[in-house]
C-alpha atoms as a PDB file:
ATOM      1  CA  MET A   1     -10.878 190.757 -37.754  1.00  0.00           C
ATOM      2  CA  SER A   2     -11.231 188.138 -40.455  1.00  0.00           C
ATOM      3  CA  LEU A   3      -9.122 185.016 -40.703  1.00  0.00           C
ATOM      4  CA  SER A   4      -7.440 186.512 -43.778  1.00  0.00           C
ATOM      5  CA  ASP A   5      -6.621 189.724 -41.879  1.00  0.00           C
ATOM      6  CA  PHE A   6      -5.218 187.736 -38.956  1.00  0.00           C
ATOM      7  CA  ALA A   7      -3.089 185.619 -41.294  1.00  0.00           C
ATOM      8  CA  ARG A   8      -1.856 188.713 -43.111  1.00  0.00           C
ATOM      9  CA  LEU A   9      -0.884 190.303 -39.798  1.00  0.00           C
ATOM     10  CA  LEU A  10       1.170 187.233 -38.860  1.00  0.00           C
ATOM     11  CA  ASP A  11       2.623 186.972 -42.366  1.00  0.00           C
ATOM     12  CA  VAL A  12       1.231 183.495 -42.972  1.00  0.00           C
ATOM     13  CA  ARG A  13      -1.247 182.081 -45.443  1.00  0.00           C
ATOM     14  CA  PRO A  14      -4.882 181.804 -44.260  1.00  0.00           C
ATOM     15  CA  ALA A  15      -4.732 178.019 -44.633  1.00  0.00           C
ATOM     16  CA  SER A  16      -1.913 177.956 -42.077  1.00  0.00           C
ATOM     17  CA  VAL A  17      -4.357 179.386 -39.542  1.00  0.00           C
ATOM     18  CA  SER A  18      -7.520 177.539 -40.566  1.00  0.00           C
ATOM     19  CA  ASN A  19      -5.782 174.121 -40.660  1.00  0.00           C
ATOM     20  CA  HIS A  20      -5.815 174.160 -36.851  1.00  0.00           C
ATOM     21  CA  LYS A  21      -9.630 174.070 -36.824  1.00  0.00           C
ATOM     22  CA  LYS A  22      -9.628 170.278 -37.292  1.00  0.00           C
ATOM     23  CA  SER A  23      -7.576 169.634 -34.153  1.00  0.00           C
ATOM     24  CA  GLY A  24      -9.286 172.335 -32.105  1.00  0.00           C
ATOM     25  CA  VAL A  25      -5.908 173.490 -30.793  1.00  0.00           C
ATOM     26  CA  VAL A  26      -3.953 176.497 -32.001  1.00  0.00           C
ATOM     27  CA  PRO A  27      -0.273 177.258 -31.460  1.00  0.00           C
ATOM     28  CA  LYS A  28       0.348 179.328 -28.354  1.00  0.00           C
ATOM     29  CA  HIS A  29       1.729 182.265 -30.360  1.00  0.00           C
ATOM     30  CA  TYR A  30      -1.507 182.458 -32.390  1.00  0.00           C
ATOM     31  CA  ALA A  31      -3.536 182.370 -29.161  1.00  0.00           C
ATOM     32  CA  VAL A  32      -1.467 185.101 -27.511  1.00  0.00           C
ATOM     33  CA  VAL A  33      -1.817 187.404 -30.502  1.00  0.00           C
ATOM     34  CA  ALA A  34      -5.559 186.709 -30.799  1.00  0.00           C
ATOM     35  CA  VAL A  35      -6.176 187.427 -27.096  1.00  0.00           C
ATOM     36  CA  LEU A  36      -4.163 190.654 -27.163  1.00  0.00           C
ATOM     37  CA  LEU A  37      -5.835 191.870 -30.363  1.00  0.00           C
ATOM     38  CA  GLY A  38      -9.244 190.988 -28.932  1.00  0.00           C
ATOM     39  CA  HIS A  39      -8.524 192.979 -25.791  1.00  0.00           C
ATOM     40  CA  LEU A  40      -7.303 195.969 -27.823  1.00  0.00           C
ATOM     41  CA  GLY A  41     -10.469 195.764 -29.922  1.00  0.00           C
ATOM     42  CA  ASP A  42     -12.666 195.602 -26.817  1.00  0.00           C
ATOM     43  CA  GLU A  43     -10.965 198.784 -25.618  1.00  0.00           C
ATOM     44  CA  HIS A  44     -11.443 200.426 -29.064  1.00  0.00           C
ATOM     45  CA  PHE A  45      -7.675 200.732 -29.457  1.00  0.00           C
ATOM     46  CA  GLU A  46      -6.210 200.711 -32.965  1.00  0.00           C
ATOM     47  CA  PHE A  47      -3.446 198.099 -32.896  1.00  0.00           C
ATOM     48  CA  ARG A  48      -1.863 199.369 -36.119  1.00  0.00           C
ATOM     49  CA  ASP A  49      -1.132 202.697 -34.390  1.00  0.00           C
ATOM     50  CA  LEU A  50       0.552 200.872 -31.519  1.00  0.00           C
ATOM     51  CA  LEU A  51       2.658 198.729 -33.845  1.00  0.00           C
ATOM     52  CA  HIS A  52       3.615 201.753 -35.926  1.00  0.00           C
ATOM     53  CA  LYS A  53       4.714 203.556 -32.752  1.00  0.00           C
ATOM     54  CA  HIS A  54       7.167 200.707 -32.169  1.00  0.00           C
ATOM     55  CA  GLY A  55       8.529 200.633 -35.706  1.00  0.00           C
ATOM     56  CA  VAL A  56       6.293 198.071 -37.402  1.00  0.00           C
ATOM     57  CA  SER A  57       4.533 199.473 -40.435  1.00  0.00           C
ATOM     58  CA  PHE A  58       2.248 197.892 -42.985  1.00  0.00           C
ATOM     59  CA  GLN A  59       2.407 198.582 -46.688  1.00  0.00           C
ATOM     60  CA  GLU A  60      -1.050 199.557 -47.775  1.00  0.00           C
ATOM     61  CA  GLY A  61      -2.505 198.393 -51.014  1.00  0.00           C
ATOM     62  CA  LYS A  62      -4.708 195.712 -52.436  1.00  0.00           C
ATOM     63  CA  GLN A  63      -3.371 192.247 -51.765  1.00  0.00           C
ATOM     64  CA  SER A  64      -4.612 188.786 -52.413  1.00  0.00           C
ATOM     65  CA  PRO A  65      -6.036 187.259 -49.211  1.00  0.00           C
ATOM     66  CA  SER A  66      -3.533 184.422 -49.582  1.00  0.00           C
ATOM     67  CA  ALA A  67      -0.551 186.752 -49.979  1.00  0.00           C
ATOM     68  CA  PRO A  68       1.422 187.494 -46.840  1.00  0.00           C
ATOM     69  CA  ALA A  69       1.490 191.131 -45.749  1.00  0.00           C
ATOM     70  CA  GLN A  70       4.504 193.252 -46.442  1.00  0.00           C
ATOM     71  CA  LEU A  71       5.899 194.510 -43.154  1.00  0.00           C
ATOM     72  CA  THR A  72       8.747 196.877 -42.597  1.00  0.00           C
ATOM     73  CA  LEU A  73      10.435 196.469 -39.245  1.00  0.00           C
ATOM     74  CA  ILE A  74      12.461 199.421 -38.119  1.00  0.00           C
ATOM     75  CA  SER A  75      14.816 198.612 -35.293  1.00  0.00           C
ATOM     76  CA  SER A  76      14.860 201.070 -32.431  1.00  0.00           C
ATOM     77  CA  ARG A  77      18.635 201.023 -32.797  1.00  0.00           C
ATOM     78  CA  SER A  78      18.410 202.374 -36.349  1.00  0.00           C
ATOM     79  CA  LYS A  79      16.494 205.445 -35.149  1.00  0.00           C
ATOM     80  CA  ARG A  80      19.582 206.898 -33.459  1.00  0.00           C
END
């Protein structure tokens, strides 16, 4: 996964992720997501399928790498 893809997934700009390179420390929430995605990738598991199963969908389409992703969160309560 590229830095741009990771930033898009978290709905932040790539610079918000790469700015942490200078300090060598990343926020814990970035680290948790990176570790979990890495483990899913090692197991050849498609994380988008898992997120979609839990109501998080991604709008497909060409986007600028600096543009945050468009996510649609569907609450489990709204599925009733």
